Amino acid sequence: MGFWNIFKGDKTQKQSLSSPLFFHEDDFCQVELLPKENLNFIKLQCNQIESSSEKNFDGTGYKEIFIRDENPIGLSTISIQKSELENFLLELHLPRASEVLTGYGQDYRIQSLDTVGFGSDYVAVYFRFEEDIVKKIWFTQIWNIEREKLVHFLNNVGLKWNLLLVDWEAATFVDLSNEQAIINYLN
């Protein structure tokens, strides 16, 4: 990057890296972005999750867990370039992590390869890529990201790539082309 690009607001400039980010393996893609073409599948899975939850809750926990099926249409079909998504993520003003770790418990940690994270503590957005094409985008503690910036970011990527936000834990989804629906979800 040339000296004068500093004054042009070059969004592609490298951001300084923050400390590593960690996500618990159970939070992988629990709140994720998916192509709208998955809508019928998402509705069916959300209904099955709710039904399983009602059937298996014993008052203190669940007797059985529900394992979701793989999404029929992955993000990689859209061919989102890693650098293009990173430019959108800069809107959130979250620090880019030096590396992303995953695991469980207090001690088990491994590097999550081909994964980029923006955030701090457990408030973050992550994406996984292969050969510079984004394969997964997910969040941890999405409600703690600055609201106005998050709504703007979600609406922009939703409009650009025709995406839905799916919150599997809440068994709900949001059409990201609808700014009011995003606001309602975050409230």
C-alpha atoms as a PDB file:
ATOM      1  CA  MET A   1       0.000   0.000   0.000  1.00  0.00           C
ATOM      2  CA  GLY A   2       1.383   3.387  -0.968  1.00  0.00           C
ATOM      3  CA  PHE A   3       1.708   6.310   1.399  1.00  0.00           C
ATOM      4  CA  TRP A   4      -1.088   8.298  -0.290  1.00  0.00           C
ATOM      5  CA  ASN A   5      -3.594   5.438   0.086  1.00  0.00           C
ATOM      6  CA  ILE A   6      -3.769   6.312   3.786  1.00  0.00           C
ATOM      7  CA  PHE A   7      -5.575   9.501   2.812  1.00  0.00           C
ATOM      8  CA  LYS A   8      -7.863   7.769   0.297  1.00  0.00           C
ATOM      9  CA  GLY A   9      -9.397   5.539   2.958  1.00  0.00           C
ATOM     10  CA  ASP A  10      -8.165   2.341   1.304  1.00  0.00           C
ATOM     11  CA  LYS A  11     -10.350  -0.354   2.908  1.00  0.00           C
ATOM     12  CA  THR A  12      -7.993  -3.132   1.837  1.00  0.00           C
ATOM     13  CA  GLN A  13      -5.169  -1.983   4.088  1.00  0.00           C
ATOM     14  CA  LYS A  14      -4.086  -4.584   6.609  1.00  0.00           C
ATOM     15  CA  GLN A  15      -5.587  -4.148  10.043  1.00  0.00           C
ATOM     16  CA  SER A  16      -3.382  -4.757  13.070  1.00  0.00           C
ATOM     17  CA  LEU A  17      -4.039  -8.141  14.640  1.00  0.00           C
ATOM     18  CA  SER A  18      -5.437  -8.600  18.129  1.00  0.00           C
ATOM     19  CA  SER A  19      -4.942 -11.525  20.470  1.00  0.00           C
ATOM     20  CA  PRO A  20      -6.351 -14.958  19.528  1.00  0.00           C
ATOM     21  CA  LEU A  21     -10.104 -15.604  19.573  1.00  0.00           C
ATOM     22  CA  PHE A  22     -11.648 -18.766  20.992  1.00  0.00           C
ATOM     23  CA  PHE A  23     -15.004 -20.354  20.231  1.00  0.00           C
ATOM     24  CA  HIS A  24     -16.357 -23.446  21.978  1.00  0.00           C
ATOM     25  CA  GLU A  25     -16.890 -26.275  19.502  1.00  0.00           C
ATOM     26  CA  ASP A  26     -20.605 -26.363  20.445  1.00  0.00           C
ATOM     27  CA  ASP A  27     -21.000 -22.789  19.166  1.00  0.00           C
ATOM     28  CA  PHE A  28     -19.704 -23.561  15.680  1.00  0.00           C
ATOM     29  CA  CYS A  29     -22.359 -22.261  13.249  1.00  0.00           C
ATOM     30  CA  GLN A  30     -25.098 -22.038  15.909  1.00  0.00           C
ATOM     31  CA  VAL A  31     -25.796 -18.541  14.567  1.00  0.00           C
ATOM     32  CA  GLU A  32     -24.786 -18.615  10.914  1.00  0.00           C
ATOM     33  CA  LEU A  33     -25.358 -17.006   7.537  1.00  0.00           C
ATOM     34  CA  LEU A  34     -26.738 -19.195   4.743  1.00  0.00           C
ATOM     35  CA  PRO A  35     -27.965 -18.730   1.166  1.00  0.00           C
ATOM     36  CA  LYS A  36     -31.719 -18.063   0.909  1.00  0.00           C
ATOM     37  CA  GLU A  37     -32.046 -21.104  -1.324  1.00  0.00           C
ATOM     38  CA  ASN A  38     -31.952 -23.126   1.924  1.00  0.00           C
ATOM     39  CA  LEU A  39     -35.184 -21.531   3.209  1.00  0.00           C
ATOM     40  CA  ASN A  40     -37.429 -24.618   3.013  1.00  0.00           C
ATOM     41  CA  PHE A  41     -34.715 -26.776   4.565  1.00  0.00           C
ATOM     42  CA  ILE A  42     -34.212 -24.210   7.357  1.00  0.00           C
ATOM     43  CA  LYS A  43     -37.945 -24.084   8.124  1.00  0.00           C
ATOM     44  CA  LEU A  44     -38.098 -27.877   8.309  1.00  0.00           C
ATOM     45  CA  GLN A  45     -35.011 -28.098  10.536  1.00  0.00           C
ATOM     46  CA  CYS A  46     -36.318 -25.364  12.877  1.00  0.00           C
ATOM     47  CA  ASN A  47     -39.628 -27.235  13.248  1.00  0.00           C
ATOM     48  CA  GLN A  48     -37.763 -30.480  13.968  1.00  0.00           C
ATOM     49  CA  ILE A  49     -35.549 -28.723  16.547  1.00  0.00           C
ATOM     50  CA  GLU A  50     -38.589 -27.282  18.350  1.00  0.00           C
ATOM     51  CA  SER A  51     -40.396 -30.625  18.285  1.00  0.00           C
ATOM     52  CA  SER A  52     -37.342 -32.492  19.579  1.00  0.00           C
ATOM     53  CA  SER A  53     -36.799 -29.882  22.306  1.00  0.00           C
ATOM     54  CA  GLU A  54     -40.383 -30.160  23.552  1.00  0.00           C
ATOM     55  CA  LYS A  55     -40.296 -33.970  23.453  1.00  0.00           C
ATOM     56  CA  ASN A  56     -36.903 -34.418  25.143  1.00  0.00           C
ATOM     57  CA  PHE A  57     -36.796 -31.693  27.808  1.00  0.00           C
ATOM     58  CA  ASP A  58     -37.134 -33.214  31.282  1.00  0.00           C
ATOM     59  CA  GLY A  59     -37.206 -29.989  33.297  1.00  0.00           C
ATOM     60  CA  THR A  60     -33.460 -29.682  33.843  1.00  0.00           C
ATOM     61  CA  GLY A  61     -31.949 -30.814  30.545  1.00  0.00           C
ATOM     62  CA  TYR A  62     -32.505 -32.802  27.384  1.00  0.00           C
ATOM     63  CA  LYS A  63     -32.714 -36.604  27.252  1.00  0.00           C
ATOM     64  CA  GLU A  64     -31.541 -36.627  23.620  1.00  0.00           C
ATOM     65  CA  ILE A  65     -29.817 -34.104  21.400  1.00  0.00           C
ATOM     66  CA  PHE A  66     -30.951 -33.137  17.935  1.00  0.00           C
ATOM     67  CA  ILE A  67     -28.265 -33.287  15.269  1.00  0.00           C
ATOM     68  CA  ARG A  68     -28.992 -31.033  12.313  1.00  0.00           C
ATOM     69  CA  ASP A  69     -28.602 -32.232   8.766  1.00  0.00           C
ATOM     70  CA  GLU A  70     -25.971 -30.576   6.597  1.00  0.00           C
ATOM     71  CA  ASN A  71     -27.241 -27.513   4.729  1.00  0.00           C
ATOM     72  CA  PRO A  72     -28.059 -28.554   1.154  1.00  0.00           C
ATOM     73  CA  ILE A  73     -26.658 -25.351  -0.377  1.00  0.00           C
ATOM     74  CA  GLY A  74     -23.430 -24.079   1.154  1.00  0.00           C
ATOM     75  CA  LEU A  75     -21.988 -20.584   1.123  1.00  0.00           C
ATOM     76  CA  SER A  76     -19.220 -21.755  -1.181  1.00  0.00           C
ATOM     77  CA  THR A  77     -21.779 -21.945  -4.025  1.00  0.00           C
ATOM     78  CA  ILE A  78     -21.970 -18.129  -3.922  1.00  0.00           C
ATOM     79  CA  SER A  79     -18.176 -17.791  -4.309  1.00  0.00           C
ATOM     80  CA  ILE A  80     -17.727 -15.030  -1.726  1.00  0.00           C
ATOM     81  CA  GLN A  81     -14.095 -13.946  -1.884  1.00  0.00           C
ATOM     82  CA  LYS A  82     -12.285 -13.877   1.477  1.00  0.00           C
ATOM     83  CA  SER A  83     -10.971 -10.348   0.832  1.00  0.00           C
ATOM     84  CA  GLU A  84     -14.422  -9.047  -0.114  1.00  0.00           C
ATOM     85  CA  LEU A  85     -15.985 -10.374   3.105  1.00  0.00           C
ATOM     86  CA  GLU A  86     -13.108  -8.934   5.130  1.00  0.00           C
ATOM     87  CA  ASN A  87     -13.847  -5.507   3.632  1.00  0.00           C
ATOM     88  CA  PHE A  88     -17.480  -5.803   4.773  1.00  0.00           C
ATOM     89  CA  LEU A  89     -16.332  -6.923   8.231  1.00  0.00           C
ATOM     90  CA  LEU A  90     -14.266  -3.759   8.627  1.00  0.00           C
ATOM     91  CA  GLU A  91     -17.610  -1.914   8.957  1.00  0.00           C
ATOM     92  CA  LEU A  92     -18.081  -3.564  12.363  1.00  0.00           C
ATOM     93  CA  HIS A  93     -14.877  -1.996  13.732  1.00  0.00           C
ATOM     94  CA  LEU A  94     -13.997  -5.256  15.489  1.00  0.00           C
ATOM     95  CA  PRO A  95     -10.327  -6.193  15.849  1.00  0.00           C
ATOM     96  CA  ARG A  96      -9.074  -8.977  13.574  1.00  0.00           C
ATOM     97  CA  ALA A  97      -7.740 -11.873  15.637  1.00  0.00           C
ATOM     98  CA  SER A  98      -4.173 -13.083  15.201  1.00  0.00           C
ATOM     99  CA  GLU A  99      -5.547 -16.646  15.159  1.00  0.00           C
ATOM    100  CA  VAL A 100      -8.744 -18.533  15.959  1.00  0.00           C
ATOM    101  CA  LEU A 101      -8.825 -21.368  18.468  1.00  0.00           C
ATOM    102  CA  THR A 102     -11.548 -23.890  19.207  1.00  0.00           C
ATOM    103  CA  GLY A 103     -12.037 -26.667  21.722  1.00  0.00           C
ATOM    104  CA  TYR A 104     -13.953 -27.304  24.911  1.00  0.00           C
ATOM    105  CA  GLY A 105     -13.592 -27.111  28.680  1.00  0.00           C
ATOM    106  CA  GLN A 106     -10.949 -24.947  30.310  1.00  0.00           C
ATOM    107  CA  ASP A 107      -7.884 -26.575  28.791  1.00  0.00           C
ATOM    108  CA  TYR A 108      -8.462 -28.165  25.389  1.00  0.00           C
ATOM    109  CA  ARG A 109      -7.590 -25.703  22.607  1.00  0.00           C
ATOM    110  CA  ILE A 110      -6.564 -26.256  18.994  1.00  0.00           C
ATOM    111  CA  GLN A 111      -6.093 -23.847  16.115  1.00  0.00           C
ATOM    112  CA  SER A 112      -9.117 -23.611  13.849  1.00  0.00           C
ATOM    113  CA  LEU A 113      -7.385 -23.798  10.496  1.00  0.00           C
ATOM    114  CA  ASP A 114      -8.497 -21.631   7.562  1.00  0.00           C
ATOM    115  CA  THR A 115     -10.630 -19.573   9.959  1.00  0.00           C
ATOM    116  CA  VAL A 116     -10.610 -15.802  10.426  1.00  0.00           C
ATOM    117  CA  GLY A 117     -12.198 -14.039  13.387  1.00  0.00           C
ATOM    118  CA  PHE A 118     -13.101 -10.446  14.146  1.00  0.00           C
ATOM    119  CA  GLY A 119     -13.938  -9.501  17.729  1.00  0.00           C
ATOM    120  CA  SER A 120     -12.735  -9.833  21.282  1.00  0.00           C
ATOM    121  CA  ASP A 121     -13.522 -12.001  24.259  1.00  0.00           C
ATOM    122  CA  TYR A 122     -16.431 -14.086  23.010  1.00  0.00           C
ATOM    123  CA  VAL A 123     -18.136 -11.335  20.988  1.00  0.00           C
ATOM    124  CA  ALA A 124     -17.133 -12.188  17.453  1.00  0.00           C
ATOM    125  CA  VAL A 125     -17.868 -13.054  13.859  1.00  0.00           C
ATOM    126  CA  TYR A 126     -15.887 -15.845  12.214  1.00  0.00           C
ATOM    127  CA  PHE A 127     -15.553 -17.249   8.758  1.00  0.00           C
ATOM    128  CA  ARG A 128     -13.944 -20.360   7.357  1.00  0.00           C
ATOM    129  CA  PHE A 129     -12.515 -20.407   3.858  1.00  0.00           C
ATOM    130  CA  GLU A 130     -10.895 -22.703   1.338  1.00  0.00           C
ATOM    131  CA  GLU A 131      -8.740 -21.356  -1.489  1.00  0.00           C
ATOM    132  CA  ASP A 132      -9.944 -17.793  -0.707  1.00  0.00           C
ATOM    133  CA  ILE A 133     -13.646 -18.769  -1.040  1.00  0.00           C
ATOM    134  CA  VAL A 134     -15.798 -18.378   2.102  1.00  0.00           C
ATOM    135  CA  LYS A 135     -17.402 -21.642   3.242  1.00  0.00           C
ATOM    136  CA  LYS A 136     -18.992 -20.668   6.591  1.00  0.00           C
ATOM    137  CA  ILE A 137     -19.847 -17.448   8.455  1.00  0.00           C
ATOM    138  CA  TRP A 138     -20.962 -17.575  12.093  1.00  0.00           C
ATOM    139  CA  PHE A 139     -21.202 -15.510  15.262  1.00  0.00           C
ATOM    140  CA  THR A 140     -20.747 -15.840  18.994  1.00  0.00           C
ATOM    141  CA  GLN A 141     -22.599 -13.435  21.286  1.00  0.00           C
ATOM    142  CA  ILE A 142     -24.035 -11.580  18.319  1.00  0.00           C
ATOM    143  CA  TRP A 143     -26.214  -9.408  20.598  1.00  0.00           C
ATOM    144  CA  ASN A 144     -23.114  -7.752  22.086  1.00  0.00           C
ATOM    145  CA  ILE A 145     -21.843  -6.376  18.770  1.00  0.00           C
ATOM    146  CA  GLU A 146     -22.585  -2.664  18.348  1.00  0.00           C
ATOM    147  CA  ARG A 147     -26.207  -2.689  17.164  1.00  0.00           C
ATOM    148  CA  GLU A 148     -26.225  -0.042  14.416  1.00  0.00           C
ATOM    149  CA  LYS A 149     -23.058  -1.337  12.796  1.00  0.00           C
ATOM    150  CA  LEU A 150     -24.278  -4.942  13.020  1.00  0.00           C
ATOM    151  CA  VAL A 151     -27.647  -4.134  11.425  1.00  0.00           C
ATOM    152  CA  HIS A 152     -25.861  -2.264   8.618  1.00  0.00           C
ATOM    153  CA  PHE A 153     -23.366  -5.112   8.093  1.00  0.00           C
ATOM    154  CA  LEU A 154     -26.031  -7.863   8.094  1.00  0.00           C
ATOM    155  CA  ASN A 155     -28.297  -5.927   5.742  1.00  0.00           C
ATOM    156  CA  ASN A 156     -25.416  -5.181   3.337  1.00  0.00           C
ATOM    157  CA  VAL A 157     -24.187  -8.788   3.107  1.00  0.00           C
ATOM    158  CA  GLY A 158     -27.784 -10.032   2.951  1.00  0.00           C
ATOM    159  CA  LEU A 159     -28.549  -7.815  -0.014  1.00  0.00           C
ATOM    160  CA  LYS A 160     -25.221  -8.457  -1.761  1.00  0.00           C
ATOM    161  CA  TRP A 161     -25.292 -12.269  -1.467  1.00  0.00           C
ATOM    162  CA  ASN A 162     -28.981 -13.070  -0.830  1.00  0.00           C
ATOM    163  CA  LEU A 163     -28.408 -14.444   2.684  1.00  0.00           C
ATOM    164  CA  LEU A 164     -30.400 -15.462   5.733  1.00  0.00           C
ATOM    165  CA  LEU A 165     -29.226 -15.424   9.329  1.00  0.00           C
ATOM    166  CA  VAL A 166     -30.144 -18.676  11.074  1.00  0.00           C
ATOM    167  CA  ASP A 167     -30.149 -18.952  14.856  1.00  0.00           C
ATOM    168  CA  TRP A 168     -30.354 -22.704  15.363  1.00  0.00           C
ATOM    169  CA  GLU A 169     -30.525 -22.461  19.150  1.00  0.00           C
ATOM    170  CA  ALA A 170     -33.607 -20.219  18.970  1.00  0.00           C
ATOM    171  CA  ALA A 171     -34.915 -22.204  15.955  1.00  0.00           C
ATOM    172  CA  THR A 172     -35.468 -19.014  13.984  1.00  0.00           C
ATOM    173  CA  PHE A 173     -34.184 -17.262  10.874  1.00  0.00           C
ATOM    174  CA  VAL A 174     -33.996 -13.725   9.533  1.00  0.00           C
ATOM    175  CA  ASP A 175     -34.165 -12.467   5.952  1.00  0.00           C
ATOM    176  CA  LEU A 176     -31.141 -10.160   5.845  1.00  0.00           C
ATOM    177  CA  SER A 177     -32.575  -8.133   2.975  1.00  0.00           C
ATOM    178  CA  ASN A 178     -35.178  -6.851   5.472  1.00  0.00           C
ATOM    179  CA  GLU A 179     -33.572  -4.312   7.817  1.00  0.00           C
ATOM    180  CA  GLN A 180     -36.604  -4.218  10.151  1.00  0.00           C
ATOM    181  CA  ALA A 181     -36.521  -8.021  10.499  1.00  0.00           C
ATOM    182  CA  ILE A 182     -32.859  -7.758  11.554  1.00  0.00           C
ATOM    183  CA  ILE A 183     -33.707  -5.091  14.140  1.00  0.00           C
ATOM    184  CA  ASN A 184     -36.596  -7.207  15.469  1.00  0.00           C
ATOM    185  CA  TYR A 185     -34.333 -10.254  15.816  1.00  0.00           C
ATOM    186  CA  LEU A 186     -31.672  -8.301  17.703  1.00  0.00           C
ATOM    187  CA  ASN A 187     -34.242  -6.830  20.106  1.00  0.00           C
END
